[in-house]
Protein backbone atom coordinates (compact mmCIF):
# COMPACT_ATOMS: atom_id res chain seq x y z
CA MET A 1 76.08 140.25 131.22
CA GLN A 2 76.00 138.79 134.72
CA THR A 3 74.54 138.94 138.20
CA PRO A 4 76.78 138.48 141.25
CA SER A 5 75.93 134.78 141.41
CA THR A 6 76.26 133.91 137.74
CA LEU A 7 78.93 133.68 135.10
CA SER A 8 79.64 136.60 132.80
CA TYR A 9 78.93 135.91 129.13
CA ILE A 10 78.47 137.46 125.72
CA ASP A 11 75.47 136.71 123.53
CA SER A 12 75.69 137.53 119.82
CA GLY A 13 74.29 136.46 116.47
CA SER A 14 71.08 134.59 115.70
CA GLY A 15 70.08 131.09 114.73
CA LEU A 16 70.76 127.82 116.55
CA PRO A 17 72.12 128.69 120.02
CA VAL A 18 75.70 127.47 120.52
CA LEU A 19 77.35 127.50 123.94
CA LEU A 20 81.14 127.87 123.71
CA GLY A 21 83.40 126.72 126.55
CA HIS A 22 86.95 128.06 126.85
CA SER A 23 90.12 126.55 128.33
CA TYR A 24 91.32 126.89 131.90
CA LEU A 25 93.46 130.05 132.32
CA PHE A 26 91.82 131.69 129.29
CA ASP A 27 88.50 133.51 128.98
CA LYS A 28 85.75 134.09 126.43
CA THR A 29 88.13 136.08 124.20
CA MET A 30 89.89 132.79 123.44
CA TRP A 31 87.15 132.26 120.86
CA SER A 32 87.67 135.61 119.10
CA PRO A 33 89.05 133.97 115.90
CA GLN A 34 85.75 132.10 115.48
CA MET A 35 83.21 134.61 116.73
CA THR A 36 82.51 136.62 113.58
CA ALA A 37 82.02 133.57 111.37
CA LEU A 38 79.93 131.69 113.91
CA ALA A 39 77.70 134.65 114.74
CA LYS A 40 76.73 134.91 111.07
CA GLN A 41 74.99 131.54 111.29
CA PHE A 42 74.35 130.88 114.98
CA ARG A 43 73.40 132.56 118.23
CA VAL A 44 76.67 132.29 120.15
CA ILE A 45 76.77 132.38 123.95
CA VAL A 46 80.29 132.53 125.37
CA PRO A 47 80.71 132.56 129.17
CA ASP A 48 83.77 133.26 131.29
CA LEU A 49 84.57 130.51 133.77
CA TRP A 50 84.51 131.45 137.47
CA GLY A 51 87.48 133.67 138.34
CA HIS A 52 88.34 134.10 134.64
CA GLY A 53 87.69 137.14 132.47
CA GLU A 54 84.79 139.13 133.89
CA SER A 55 83.19 136.38 135.96
CA PRO A 56 83.20 136.60 139.76
CA ALA A 57 85.25 134.34 141.99
CA LEU A 58 84.50 130.65 142.29
CA PRO A 59 81.57 130.34 144.74
CA ALA A 60 81.85 128.09 147.75
CA GLY A 61 80.59 124.57 147.20
CA LYS A 62 81.56 124.24 143.53
CA SER A 63 83.62 121.08 143.57
CA THR A 64 82.75 118.93 140.55
CA MET A 65 82.58 119.20 136.78
CA ALA A 66 78.82 118.60 137.09
CA ASP A 67 78.62 121.78 139.20
CA LEU A 68 80.25 123.73 136.36
CA ALA A 69 77.88 122.14 133.85
CA ALA A 70 74.89 123.20 135.96
CA ASP A 71 76.24 126.76 136.13
CA HIS A 72 76.30 126.94 132.33
CA LEU A 73 72.84 125.41 132.06
CA GLN A 74 71.65 128.19 134.36
CA ILE A 75 72.73 130.73 131.74
CA MET A 76 70.64 128.99 129.08
CA ASP A 77 67.69 128.86 131.48
CA ALA A 78 68.02 132.58 132.20
CA LEU A 79 68.05 133.29 128.44
CA GLY A 80 65.01 131.09 127.88
CA ILE A 81 66.96 128.82 125.54
CA GLU A 82 65.57 125.30 125.54
CA GLU A 83 67.71 123.58 122.89
CA PHE A 84 71.34 124.31 122.04
CA ALA A 85 74.66 122.89 120.90
CA ILE A 86 77.91 122.91 122.86
CA VAL A 87 81.45 123.42 121.56
CA GLY A 88 83.97 123.02 124.37
CA LEU A 89 87.76 123.17 124.38
CA SER A 90 89.78 121.69 127.27
CA VAL A 91 87.79 122.17 130.49
CA GLY A 92 85.01 123.56 128.29
CA GLY A 93 84.72 120.09 126.79
CA MET A 94 84.82 118.43 130.21
CA TRP A 95 81.84 120.33 131.58
CA GLY A 96 80.26 120.29 128.12
CA ALA A 97 80.17 116.50 128.11
CA GLU A 98 78.70 116.54 131.62
CA LEU A 99 75.99 118.93 130.45
CA ALA A 100 75.16 116.81 127.40
CA ALA A 101 74.73 113.78 129.66
CA MET A 102 72.81 115.81 132.25
CA ALA A 103 70.31 117.35 129.83
CA PRO A 104 70.08 115.04 126.78
CA GLU A 105 66.72 116.49 125.76
CA ARG A 106 68.24 119.95 125.45
CA VAL A 107 71.74 119.45 124.00
CA LYS A 108 71.39 118.87 120.27
CA ALA A 109 75.07 118.48 119.35
CA LEU A 110 78.39 118.35 121.18
CA MET A 111 81.88 119.12 119.90
CA LEU A 112 84.83 118.21 122.13
CA ILE A 113 88.14 119.90 121.26
CA ASP A 114 91.51 119.27 122.96
CA THR A 115 89.85 117.68 125.96
CA PHE A 116 89.52 114.41 127.84
CA VAL A 117 86.86 113.22 130.29
CA GLY A 118 88.98 110.37 131.66
CA SER A 119 91.06 110.97 134.77
CA GLU A 120 94.65 112.12 134.87
CA THR A 121 97.35 109.55 135.48
CA ASP A 122 98.62 109.45 139.07
CA GLU A 123 101.90 110.97 137.89
CA ALA A 124 100.22 113.83 136.04
CA ARG A 125 97.83 114.55 138.91
CA GLU A 126 100.72 114.74 141.39
CA LYS A 127 102.62 117.09 139.06
CA TYR A 128 99.64 119.40 138.57
CA PHE A 129 98.78 119.50 142.27
CA ALA A 130 102.39 120.28 143.17
CA MET A 131 102.33 123.23 140.74
CA LEU A 132 98.98 124.44 142.09
CA ASN A 133 100.23 124.21 145.68
CA ALA A 134 103.33 126.20 144.72
CA ILE A 135 101.16 128.89 143.13
CA ASP A 136 98.92 128.95 146.21
CA ALA A 137 101.92 129.36 148.51
CA ALA A 138 103.56 132.08 146.42
CA GLY A 139 100.39 133.97 145.50
CA THR A 140 101.80 134.29 141.99
CA LEU A 141 103.16 132.22 139.09
CA PRO A 142 106.95 132.18 139.52
CA PRO A 143 108.72 132.88 136.18
CA PRO A 144 109.93 129.29 135.55
CA LEU A 145 106.45 127.94 136.24
CA LEU A 146 104.87 130.63 134.06
CA GLU A 147 107.11 129.64 131.16
CA TYR A 148 106.22 125.97 131.63
CA VAL A 149 102.47 126.65 131.76
CA VAL A 150 102.58 128.71 128.57
CA SER A 151 104.58 125.99 126.81
CA GLN A 152 101.77 123.53 127.57
CA PHE A 153 99.20 125.68 125.79
CA TYR A 154 101.07 126.86 122.69
CA SER A 155 103.53 125.39 120.19
CA HIS A 156 106.10 127.09 117.97
CA ASN A 157 103.26 127.66 115.47
CA ALA A 158 101.49 130.10 117.78
CA ASP A 159 101.20 133.78 117.04
CA PRO A 160 103.86 135.45 119.25
CA SER A 161 101.32 138.05 120.31
CA ASP A 162 99.07 135.26 121.66
CA VAL A 163 101.96 133.86 123.67
CA GLN A 164 102.87 137.25 125.10
CA ALA A 165 99.24 138.03 125.89
CA LEU A 166 98.92 134.78 127.85
CA LYS A 167 102.13 135.49 129.79
CA ALA A 168 100.96 139.01 130.60
CA ARG A 169 97.51 137.86 131.70
CA LEU A 170 98.79 135.07 133.92
CA GLY A 171 101.51 137.27 135.35
CA ALA A 172 98.92 139.89 136.29
CA LEU A 173 96.65 137.55 138.24
CA SER A 174 96.33 138.68 141.84
CA ALA A 175 97.05 136.44 144.79
CA GLU A 176 93.34 136.64 145.62
CA GLN A 177 92.30 135.44 142.14
CA LEU A 178 94.83 132.65 142.23
CA ARG A 179 93.89 131.40 145.67
CA GLU A 180 90.12 131.86 145.45
CA SER A 181 89.52 130.64 141.89
CA ILE A 182 92.49 129.51 139.81
CA VAL A 183 94.00 127.03 142.28
CA PRO A 184 90.72 125.42 143.43
CA LEU A 185 89.46 125.21 139.85
CA GLY A 186 92.73 123.63 138.83
CA LYS A 187 92.34 121.00 141.54
CA LEU A 188 88.75 120.39 140.43
CA ILE A 189 89.92 119.91 136.84
CA PHE A 190 93.06 117.86 137.40
CA GLY A 191 91.59 115.87 140.27
CA ARG A 192 88.47 114.89 138.30
CA PRO A 193 87.36 111.24 138.37
CA ASP A 194 87.26 109.04 135.30
CA ARG A 195 84.06 109.92 133.42
CA MET A 196 84.58 107.90 130.25
CA ALA A 197 81.51 105.77 131.04
CA MET A 198 79.41 108.95 131.03
CA LEU A 199 80.00 109.26 127.28
CA GLU A 200 77.64 106.32 126.76
CA LYS A 201 74.81 108.46 128.16
CA ILE A 202 75.25 111.15 125.51
CA SER A 203 72.62 110.69 122.81
CA CYS A 204 73.24 113.71 120.59
CA PRO A 205 75.68 113.80 117.64
CA VAL A 206 79.28 114.22 118.85
CA GLN A 207 82.51 115.21 117.14
CA VAL A 208 85.95 115.02 118.77
CA ALA A 209 89.02 116.94 117.58
CA THR A 210 92.54 117.35 118.95
CA GLY A 211 95.53 119.42 117.88
CA GLU A 212 98.28 117.16 116.57
CA LEU A 213 100.81 118.95 118.81
CA ASP A 214 98.67 119.04 121.97
CA LEU A 215 100.85 118.13 124.97
CA PRO A 216 98.43 118.00 127.94
CA ARG A 217 95.65 116.35 125.90
CA PRO A 218 97.38 114.27 123.21
CA PRO A 219 95.47 112.96 120.18
CA LEU A 220 95.26 109.45 121.60
CA GLU A 221 92.91 110.71 124.31
CA GLY A 222 90.61 112.24 121.74
CA GLN A 223 90.64 109.03 119.74
CA LEU A 224 89.72 107.04 122.86
CA MET A 225 86.70 109.27 123.47
CA ALA A 226 85.60 109.10 119.84
CA GLU A 227 85.79 105.30 119.97
CA LYS A 228 83.77 105.26 123.20
CA VAL A 229 81.05 107.47 121.70
CA GLY A 230 81.26 105.94 118.24
CA CYS A 231 81.72 109.32 116.57
CA GLY A 232 84.14 111.03 114.20
CA PHE A 233 87.60 112.21 115.22
CA SER A 234 89.58 114.98 113.54
CA LEU A 235 93.27 115.72 113.94
CA ILE A 236 93.89 119.47 113.79
CA PRO A 237 97.15 120.07 111.92
CA ASN A 238 99.87 122.46 113.09
CA ALA A 239 98.14 123.13 116.40
CA ALA A 240 98.72 122.48 120.09
CA HIS A 241 96.27 122.75 123.01
CA ILE A 242 94.67 126.06 122.05
CA SER A 243 94.10 124.74 118.56
CA ASN A 244 91.37 127.23 117.69
CA ARG A 245 93.98 130.01 117.84
CA GLU A 246 96.92 128.16 116.28
CA ASN A 247 94.90 126.94 113.29
CA PRO A 248 91.80 129.16 113.40
CA GLU A 249 90.60 128.66 109.83
CA PHE A 250 90.66 124.86 110.14
CA VAL A 251 88.85 124.86 113.50
CA THR A 252 86.25 127.40 112.37
CA ARG A 253 85.41 125.28 109.33
CA LEU A 254 85.33 122.12 111.47
CA ILE A 255 82.83 123.70 113.88
CA ILE A 256 80.59 125.13 111.17
CA ASP A 257 80.58 121.91 109.15
CA PHE A 258 79.69 119.86 112.21
CA LEU A 259 76.95 122.18 113.45
CA THR A 260 75.32 122.61 110.05
CA ARG A 261 75.37 118.85 109.46
CA TYR A 262 74.09 117.60 112.78
CA ALA A 263 72.48 120.35 114.80
């Protein structure tokens, strides 16, 4: 479902509405290992980020994580959903935290997975921007860069078909998609300011979890957020950045246990 000015999303199941946010360079199908189980207990709304999956290109003027949060709140408004929970992985957690701080009366629970709302180090930001500029110039992901990007998402525990699917999807991105959506979104994400203080504005129950093998968002970052919020932290065993796919049973149970306990 979508209009030209809104994100594409799927809406399935019934019960407490839960908004799922996927990682950069993935789409709503990232959550396929959890969808069946979650939809048995909750109404699950899963959008595609701008320029990802079936969503249109990133509109002009979208330049902050708060803008992305507002775009997702617009979906809930359009569906007439007043109260809901958020489960966000990677950038899904970044805009999810913004949304929880933006609309505290509406967000009933927040789960942050493999994410960090602090800023990147200067070194990391320079590295990411150099890669994004190279992609912008080439209009494609050169093979060495493609291999590096995939290695940041998945560990040796990943299903080989997941790894190949990611390579195929990224390799098939058009120059237009890359330049209009992927590169500017990447700069929005990796150039974000430090928003750790925002966590103090979040009043709903929060749970933080990080894959023990996560490279771009190591467990220490998750622990720092959990300490800032004063909430629980879970280490997801045998999983890297896309932990919900590398250890799906563990993450599914973590989500359901959290939502049934606090939401």
